[in-house]
PDB file of N, CA and C in Angstrom:
ATOM      1  N   MET A   1      20.735 -14.315 -12.809  1.00  0.00           N
ATOM      2  CA  MET A   1      19.867 -13.461 -12.028  1.00  0.00           C
ATOM      3  C   MET A   1      18.552 -13.250 -12.784  1.00  0.00           C
ATOM      4  N   PRO A   2      17.421 -13.455 -12.103  1.00  0.00           N
ATOM      5  CA  PRO A   2      16.119 -13.278 -12.748  1.00  0.00           C
ATOM      6  C   PRO A   2      15.896 -11.839 -13.202  1.00  0.00           C
ATOM      7  N   VAL A   3      15.312 -11.703 -14.390  1.00  0.00           N
ATOM      8  CA  VAL A   3      15.031 -10.385 -14.950  1.00  0.00           C
ATOM      9  C   VAL A   3      13.575 -10.338 -15.384  1.00  0.00           C
ATOM     10  N   GLU A   4      12.842  -9.367 -14.858  1.00  0.00           N
ATOM     11  CA  GLU A   4      11.444  -9.188 -15.237  1.00  0.00           C
ATOM     12  C   GLU A   4      11.364  -8.716 -16.690  1.00  0.00           C
ATOM     13  N   HIS A   5      10.403  -9.255 -17.413  1.00  0.00           N
ATOM     14  CA  HIS A   5      10.172  -8.853 -18.800  1.00  0.00           C
ATOM     15  C   HIS A   5       8.943  -7.969 -18.844  1.00  0.00           C
ATOM     16  N   ASP A   6       9.150  -6.692 -18.627  1.00  0.00           N
ATOM     17  CA  ASP A   6       8.077  -5.708 -18.569  1.00  0.00           C
ATOM     18  C   ASP A   6       7.670  -5.325 -19.989  1.00  0.00           C
ATOM     19  N   LEU A   7       6.391  -5.456 -20.277  1.00  0.00           N
ATOM     20  CA  LEU A   7       5.899  -5.148 -21.623  1.00  0.00           C
ATOM     21  C   LEU A   7       6.129  -3.687 -22.010  1.00  0.00           C
ATOM     22  N   SER A   8       6.046  -2.784 -21.047  1.00  0.00           N
ATOM     23  CA  SER A   8       6.245  -1.371 -21.383  1.00  0.00           C
ATOM     24  C   SER A   8       7.683  -1.086 -21.806  1.00  0.00           C
ATOM     25  N   LEU A   9       8.617  -1.915 -21.332  1.00  0.00           N
ATOM     26  CA  LEU A   9      10.006  -1.761 -21.780  1.00  0.00           C
ATOM     27  C   LEU A   9      10.232  -2.446 -23.120  1.00  0.00           C
ATOM     28  N   ASP A  10       9.517  -3.549 -23.341  1.00  0.00           N
ATOM     29  CA  ASP A  10       9.664  -4.270 -24.602  1.00  0.00           C
ATOM     30  C   ASP A  10       8.968  -3.556 -25.758  1.00  0.00           C
ATOM     31  N   PHE A  11       7.865  -2.859 -25.443  1.00  0.00           N
ATOM     32  CA  PHE A  11       7.086  -2.159 -26.473  1.00  0.00           C
ATOM     33  C   PHE A  11       6.836  -0.711 -26.056  1.00  0.00           C
ATOM     34  N   PRO A  12       7.880   0.089 -25.888  1.00  0.00           N
ATOM     35  CA  PRO A  12       7.664   1.461 -25.403  1.00  0.00           C
ATOM     36  C   PRO A  12       6.792   2.292 -26.344  1.00  0.00           C
ATOM     37  N   GLU A  13       6.841   1.987 -27.624  1.00  0.00           N
ATOM     38  CA  GLU A  13       6.051   2.753 -28.592  1.00  0.00           C
ATOM     39  C   GLU A  13       4.555   2.477 -28.467  1.00  0.00           C
ATOM     40  N   PHE A  14       4.195   1.395 -27.776  1.00  0.00           N
ATOM     41  CA  PHE A  14       2.792   1.026 -27.607  1.00  0.00           C
ATOM     42  C   PHE A  14       2.301   1.180 -26.173  1.00  0.00           C
ATOM     43  N   HIS A  15       3.115   1.752 -25.299  1.00  0.00           N
ATOM     44  CA  HIS A  15       2.768   1.808 -23.880  1.00  0.00           C
ATOM     45  C   HIS A  15       1.410   2.474 -23.641  1.00  0.00           C
ATOM     46  N   SER A  16       1.218   3.673 -24.163  1.00  0.00           N
ATOM     47  CA  SER A  16      -0.048   4.397 -23.959  1.00  0.00           C
ATOM     48  C   SER A  16      -1.215   3.638 -24.571  1.00  0.00           C
ATOM     49  N   GLN A  17      -1.008   3.124 -25.768  1.00  0.00           N
ATOM     50  CA  GLN A  17      -2.055   2.365 -26.455  1.00  0.00           C
ATOM     51  C   GLN A  17      -2.428   1.120 -25.643  1.00  0.00           C
ATOM     52  N   ALA A  18      -1.437   0.423 -25.124  1.00  0.00           N
ATOM     53  CA  ALA A  18      -1.693  -0.796 -24.352  1.00  0.00           C
ATOM     54  C   ALA A  18      -2.464  -0.471 -23.078  1.00  0.00           C
ATOM     55  N   GLN A  19      -2.065   0.585 -22.363  1.00  0.00           N
ATOM     56  CA  GLN A  19      -2.752   0.960 -21.131  1.00  0.00           C
ATOM     57  C   GLN A  19      -4.204   1.325 -21.399  1.00  0.00           C
ATOM     58  N   ALA A  20      -4.454   2.037 -22.486  1.00  0.00           N
ATOM     59  CA  ALA A  20      -5.828   2.400 -22.840  1.00  0.00           C
ATOM     60  C   ALA A  20      -6.637   1.171 -23.229  1.00  0.00           C
ATOM     61  N   ARG A  21      -6.025   0.282 -23.961  1.00  0.00           N
ATOM     62  CA  ARG A  21      -6.739  -0.904 -24.438  1.00  0.00           C
ATOM     63  C   ARG A  21      -7.079  -1.865 -23.297  1.00  0.00           C
ATOM     64  N   ILE A  22      -6.201  -1.950 -22.318  1.00  0.00           N
ATOM     65  CA  ILE A  22      -6.464  -2.810 -21.158  1.00  0.00           C
ATOM     66  C   ILE A  22      -7.773  -2.399 -20.495  1.00  0.00           C
ATOM     67  N   LYS A  23      -8.061  -1.111 -20.472  1.00  0.00           N
ATOM     68  CA  LYS A  23      -9.256  -0.585 -19.804  1.00  0.00           C
ATOM     69  C   LYS A  23     -10.545  -0.877 -20.558  1.00  0.00           C
ATOM     70  N   VAL A  24     -10.465  -1.056 -21.879  1.00  0.00           N
ATOM     71  CA  VAL A  24     -11.692  -1.197 -22.673  1.00  0.00           C
ATOM     72  C   VAL A  24     -11.846  -2.554 -23.355  1.00  0.00           C
ATOM     73  N   ASP A  25     -10.798  -3.352 -23.364  1.00  0.00           N
ATOM     74  CA  ASP A  25     -10.829  -4.637 -24.075  1.00  0.00           C
ATOM     75  C   ASP A  25     -10.536  -5.772 -23.089  1.00  0.00           C
ATOM     76  N   PRO A  26     -11.590  -6.433 -22.583  1.00  0.00           N
ATOM     77  CA  PRO A  26     -11.383  -7.490 -21.588  1.00  0.00           C
ATOM     78  C   PRO A  26     -10.488  -8.632 -22.078  1.00  0.00           C
ATOM     79  N   ALA A  27     -10.570  -8.979 -23.346  1.00  0.00           N
ATOM     80  CA  ALA A  27      -9.739 -10.063 -23.880  1.00  0.00           C
ATOM     81  C   ALA A  27      -8.263  -9.655 -23.857  1.00  0.00           C
ATOM     82  N   PHE A  28      -7.982  -8.425 -24.230  1.00  0.00           N
ATOM     83  CA  PHE A  28      -6.608  -7.933 -24.204  1.00  0.00           C
ATOM     84  C   PHE A  28      -6.119  -7.836 -22.761  1.00  0.00           C
ATOM     85  N   ASP A  29      -6.975  -7.374 -21.861  1.00  0.00           N
ATOM     86  CA  ASP A  29      -6.632  -7.293 -20.443  1.00  0.00           C
ATOM     87  C   ASP A  29      -6.263  -8.669 -19.899  1.00  0.00           C
ATOM     88  N   ARG A  30      -7.039  -9.697 -20.249  1.00  0.00           N
ATOM     89  CA  ARG A  30      -6.740 -11.065 -19.800  1.00  0.00           C
ATOM     90  C   ARG A  30      -5.413 -11.553 -20.372  1.00  0.00           C
ATOM     91  N   LEU A  31      -5.150 -11.227 -21.622  1.00  0.00           N
ATOM     92  CA  LEU A  31      -3.902 -11.630 -22.268  1.00  0.00           C
ATOM     93  C   LEU A  31      -2.695 -11.020 -21.550  1.00  0.00           C
ATOM     94  N   VAL A  32      -2.778  -9.736 -21.241  1.00  0.00           N
ATOM     95  CA  VAL A  32      -1.683  -9.063 -20.535  1.00  0.00           C
ATOM     96  C   VAL A  32      -1.552  -9.606 -19.117  1.00  0.00           C
ATOM     97  N   ALA A  33      -2.663  -9.854 -18.444  1.00  0.00           N
ATOM     98  CA  ALA A  33      -2.621 -10.417 -17.088  1.00  0.00           C
ATOM     99  C   ALA A  33      -1.989 -11.803 -17.106  1.00  0.00           C
ATOM    100  N   GLU A  34      -2.331 -12.602 -18.109  1.00  0.00           N
ATOM    101  CA  GLU A  34      -1.739 -13.936 -18.242  1.00  0.00           C
ATOM    102  C   GLU A  34      -0.233 -13.827 -18.460  1.00  0.00           C
ATOM    103  N   TYR A  35       0.176 -12.882 -19.288  1.00  0.00           N
ATOM    104  CA  TYR A  35       1.606 -12.663 -19.535  1.00  0.00           C
ATOM    105  C   TYR A  35       2.320 -12.308 -18.234  1.00  0.00           C
ATOM    106  N   ARG A  36       1.724 -11.394 -17.461  1.00  0.00           N
ATOM    107  CA  ARG A  36       2.351 -10.959 -16.208  1.00  0.00           C
ATOM    108  C   ARG A  36       2.433 -12.100 -15.192  1.00  0.00           C
ATOM    109  N   ARG A  37       1.380 -12.919 -15.090  1.00  0.00           N
ATOM    110  CA  ARG A  37       1.408 -14.071 -14.187  1.00  0.00           C
ATOM    111  C   ARG A  37       2.503 -15.053 -14.601  1.00  0.00           C
ATOM    112  N   LEU A  38       2.575 -15.304 -15.901  1.00  0.00           N
ATOM    113  CA  LEU A  38       3.583 -16.231 -16.405  1.00  0.00           C
ATOM    114  C   LEU A  38       4.989 -15.686 -16.161  1.00  0.00           C
ATOM    115  N   ASP A  39       5.188 -14.405 -16.369  1.00  0.00           N
ATOM    116  CA  ASP A  39       6.495 -13.810 -16.128  1.00  0.00           C
ATOM    117  C   ASP A  39       6.866 -13.923 -14.652  1.00  0.00           C
ATOM    118  N   ALA A  40       5.922 -13.701 -13.761  1.00  0.00           N
ATOM    119  CA  ALA A  40       6.181 -13.839 -12.320  1.00  0.00           C
ATOM    120  C   ALA A  40       6.555 -15.285 -11.974  1.00  0.00           C
ATOM    121  N   HIS A  41       5.867 -16.236 -12.598  1.00  0.00           N
ATOM    122  CA  HIS A  41       6.174 -17.646 -12.368  1.00  0.00           C
ATOM    123  C   HIS A  41       7.599 -17.975 -12.844  1.00  0.00           C
ATOM    124  N   ILE A  42       7.961 -17.453 -14.000  1.00  0.00           N
ATOM    125  CA  ILE A  42       9.305 -17.674 -14.538  1.00  0.00           C
ATOM    126  C   ILE A  42      10.352 -17.066 -13.610  1.00  0.00           C
ATOM    127  N   LEU A  43      10.093 -15.860 -13.107  1.00  0.00           N
ATOM    128  CA  LEU A  43      11.032 -15.227 -12.178  1.00  0.00           C
ATOM    129  C   LEU A  43      11.226 -16.083 -10.934  1.00  0.00           C
ATOM    130  N   ALA A  44      10.142 -16.657 -10.426  1.00  0.00           N
ATOM    131  CA  ALA A  44      10.234 -17.521  -9.247  1.00  0.00           C
ATOM    132  C   ALA A  44      11.058 -18.770  -9.545  1.00  0.00           C
ATOM    133  N   LEU A  45      10.839 -19.367 -10.718  1.00  0.00           N
ATOM    134  CA  LEU A  45      11.614 -20.552 -11.100  1.00  0.00           C
ATOM    135  C   LEU A  45      13.092 -20.213 -11.256  1.00  0.00           C
ATOM    136  N   GLU A  46      13.364 -19.063 -11.870  1.00  0.00           N
ATOM    137  CA  GLU A  46      14.750 -18.651 -12.055  1.00  0.00           C
ATOM    138  C   GLU A  46      15.434 -18.415 -10.713  1.00  0.00           C
ATOM    139  N   ALA A  47      14.707 -17.881  -9.749  1.00  0.00           N
ATOM    140  CA  ALA A  47      15.279 -17.603  -8.434  1.00  0.00           C
ATOM    141  C   ALA A  47      15.653 -18.890  -7.704  1.00  0.00           C
ATOM    142  N   LEU A  48      14.939 -19.974  -8.018  1.00  0.00           N
ATOM    143  CA  LEU A  48      15.264 -21.254  -7.386  1.00  0.00           C
ATOM    144  C   LEU A  48      16.624 -21.776  -7.815  1.00  0.00           C
ATOM    145  N   ASP A  49      16.988 -21.461  -9.040  1.00  0.00           N
ATOM    146  CA  ASP A  49      18.261 -21.924  -9.610  1.00  0.00           C
ATOM    147  C   ASP A  49      18.420 -23.435  -9.422  1.00  0.00           C
ATOM    148  N   ASP A  50      17.345 -24.152  -9.798  1.00  0.00           N
ATOM    149  CA  ASP A  50      17.293 -25.608  -9.625  1.00  0.00           C
ATOM    150  C   ASP A  50      17.370 -26.274 -11.000  1.00  0.00           C
ATOM    151  N   PRO A  51      18.457 -26.989 -11.280  1.00  0.00           N
ATOM    152  CA  PRO A  51      18.592 -27.649 -12.588  1.00  0.00           C
ATOM    153  C   PRO A  51      17.443 -28.608 -12.907  1.00  0.00           C
ATOM    154  N   ASP A  52      16.796 -29.150 -11.878  1.00  0.00           N
ATOM    155  CA  ASP A  52      15.662 -30.053 -12.109  1.00  0.00           C
ATOM    156  C   ASP A  52      14.465 -29.315 -12.703  1.00  0.00           C
ATOM    157  N   GLN A  53      14.451 -27.992 -12.608  1.00  0.00           N
ATOM    158  CA  GLN A  53      13.343 -27.182 -13.134  1.00  0.00           C
ATOM    159  C   GLN A  53      13.623 -26.630 -14.530  1.00  0.00           C
ATOM    160  N   ASP A  54      14.765 -26.982 -15.109  1.00  0.00           N
ATOM    161  CA  ASP A  54      15.150 -26.402 -16.401  1.00  0.00           C
ATOM    162  C   ASP A  54      14.143 -26.672 -17.512  1.00  0.00           C
ATOM    163  N   ASP A  55      13.607 -27.880 -17.571  1.00  0.00           N
ATOM    164  CA  ASP A  55      12.633 -28.190 -18.630  1.00  0.00           C
ATOM    165  C   ASP A  55      11.378 -27.333 -18.496  1.00  0.00           C
ATOM    166  N   GLU A  56      10.860 -27.243 -17.270  1.00  0.00           N
ATOM    167  CA  GLU A  56       9.673 -26.407 -17.065  1.00  0.00           C
ATOM    168  C   GLU A  56       9.987 -24.947 -17.347  1.00  0.00           C
ATOM    169  N   LEU A  57      11.130 -24.495 -16.897  1.00  0.00           N
ATOM    170  CA  LEU A  57      11.531 -23.111 -17.114  1.00  0.00           C
ATOM    171  C   LEU A  57      11.600 -22.797 -18.604  1.00  0.00           C
ATOM    172  N   ASN A  58      12.207 -23.664 -19.371  1.00  0.00           N
ATOM    173  CA  ASN A  58      12.303 -23.437 -20.818  1.00  0.00           C
ATOM    174  C   ASN A  58      10.934 -23.483 -21.489  1.00  0.00           C
ATOM    175  N   ARG A  59      10.076 -24.387 -21.048  1.00  0.00           N
ATOM    176  CA  ARG A  59       8.719 -24.464 -21.593  1.00  0.00           C
ATOM    177  C   ARG A  59       7.953 -23.175 -21.294  1.00  0.00           C
ATOM    178  N   ARG A  60       8.077 -22.682 -20.071  1.00  0.00           N
ATOM    179  CA  ARG A  60       7.392 -21.441 -19.678  1.00  0.00           C
ATOM    180  C   ARG A  60       7.946 -20.237 -20.439  1.00  0.00           C
ATOM    181  N   ARG A  61       9.237 -20.228 -20.672  1.00  0.00           N
ATOM    182  CA  ARG A  61       9.827 -19.130 -21.449  1.00  0.00           C
ATOM    183  C   ARG A  61       9.279 -19.119 -22.876  1.00  0.00           C
ATOM    184  N   ARG A  62       9.123 -20.298 -23.459  1.00  0.00           N
ATOM    185  CA  ARG A  62       8.537 -20.370 -24.813  1.00  0.00           C
ATOM    186  C   ARG A  62       7.098 -19.865 -24.794  1.00  0.00           C
ATOM    187  N   GLU A  63       6.349 -20.229 -23.769  1.00  0.00           N
ATOM    188  CA  GLU A  63       4.971 -19.740 -23.634  1.00  0.00           C
ATOM    189  C   GLU A  63       4.959 -18.217 -23.545  1.00  0.00           C
ATOM    190  N   ARG A  64       5.912 -17.658 -22.794  1.00  0.00           N
ATOM    191  CA  ARG A  64       5.979 -16.201 -22.646  1.00  0.00           C
ATOM    192  C   ARG A  64       6.237 -15.531 -23.991  1.00  0.00           C
ATOM    193  N   VAL A  65       7.115 -16.112 -24.787  1.00  0.00           N
ATOM    194  CA  VAL A  65       7.406 -15.551 -26.111  1.00  0.00           C
ATOM    195  C   VAL A  65       6.143 -15.577 -26.976  1.00  0.00           C
ATOM    196  N   LEU A  66       5.407 -16.677 -26.938  1.00  0.00           N
ATOM    197  CA  LEU A  66       4.183 -16.768 -27.726  1.00  0.00           C
ATOM    198  C   LEU A  66       3.146 -15.747 -27.268  1.00  0.00           C
ATOM    199  N   LEU A  67       3.019 -15.568 -25.961  1.00  0.00           N
ATOM    200  CA  LEU A  67       2.095 -14.557 -25.449  1.00  0.00           C
ATOM    201  C   LEU A  67       2.525 -13.160 -25.874  1.00  0.00           C
ATOM    202  N   LYS A  68       3.827 -12.903 -25.789  1.00  0.00           N
ATOM    203  CA  LYS A  68       4.323 -11.589 -26.193  1.00  0.00           C
ATOM    204  C   LYS A  68       4.049 -11.348 -27.680  1.00  0.00           C
ATOM    205  N   ASP A  69       4.192 -12.366 -28.497  1.00  0.00           N
ATOM    206  CA  ASP A  69       3.873 -12.237 -29.925  1.00  0.00           C
ATOM    207  C   ASP A  69       2.399 -11.913 -30.132  1.00  0.00           C
ATOM    208  N   ARG A  70       1.521 -12.567 -29.375  1.00  0.00           N
ATOM    209  CA  ARG A  70       0.079 -12.298 -29.489  1.00  0.00           C
ATOM    210  C   ARG A  70      -0.234 -10.863 -29.069  1.00  0.00           C
ATOM    211  N   ILE A  71       0.409 -10.413 -28.017  1.00  0.00           N
ATOM    212  CA  ILE A  71       0.194  -9.032 -27.547  1.00  0.00           C
ATOM    213  C   ILE A  71       0.704  -8.042 -28.594  1.00  0.00           C
ATOM    214  N   ALA A  72       1.864  -8.294 -29.151  1.00  0.00           N
ATOM    215  CA  ALA A  72       2.428  -7.416 -30.170  1.00  0.00           C
ATOM    216  C   ALA A  72       1.526  -7.334 -31.392  1.00  0.00           C
ATOM    217  N   ARG A  73       1.021  -8.494 -31.841  1.00  0.00           N
ATOM    218  CA  ARG A  73       0.098  -8.496 -32.989  1.00  0.00           C
ATOM    219  C   ARG A  73      -1.172  -7.702 -32.681  1.00  0.00           C
ATOM    220  N   ALA A  74      -1.704  -7.889 -31.496  1.00  0.00           N
ATOM    221  CA  ALA A  74      -2.921  -7.172 -31.112  1.00  0.00           C
ATOM    222  C   ALA A  74      -2.672  -5.669 -31.110  1.00  0.00           C
ATOM    223  N   LEU A  75      -1.528  -5.248 -30.623  1.00  0.00           N
ATOM    224  CA  LEU A  75      -1.212  -3.822 -30.591  1.00  0.00           C
ATOM    225  C   LEU A  75      -0.980  -3.263 -31.990  1.00  0.00           C
ATOM    226  N   GLN A  76      -0.336  -4.027 -32.845  1.00  0.00           N
ATOM    227  CA  GLN A  76      -0.072  -3.564 -34.208  1.00  0.00           C
ATOM    228  C   GLN A  76      -1.352  -3.485 -35.026  1.00  0.00           C
ATOM    229  N   GLU A  77      -2.282  -4.401 -34.746  1.00  0.00           N
ATOM    230  CA  GLU A  77      -3.547  -4.382 -35.474  1.00  0.00           C
ATOM    231  C   GLU A  77      -4.459  -3.275 -34.966  1.00  0.00           C
ATOM    232  N   GLY A  78      -4.159  -2.770 -33.781  1.00  0.00           N
ATOM    233  CA  GLY A  78      -4.912  -1.658 -33.206  1.00  0.00           C
ATOM    234  C   GLY A  78      -6.228  -2.081 -32.734  1.00  0.00           C
TER     235      GLY A  78
END
């Protein structure tokens, strides 16, 4: 079953900081928007439950992890 990867659940300690930063930092806003688009794409692929899509699904999941790491670093650096 597809599960959304919500950043506010993954980084609850940074939720307020992330929301504030999205409003003032266009680069961070784009990064979070890209993460959300990618997560939506992954959810759609997972819903298909098509073994022929497994390679793309795994590639997209790796991309999501890398984006999440970039977001986490940006939040930790303040």
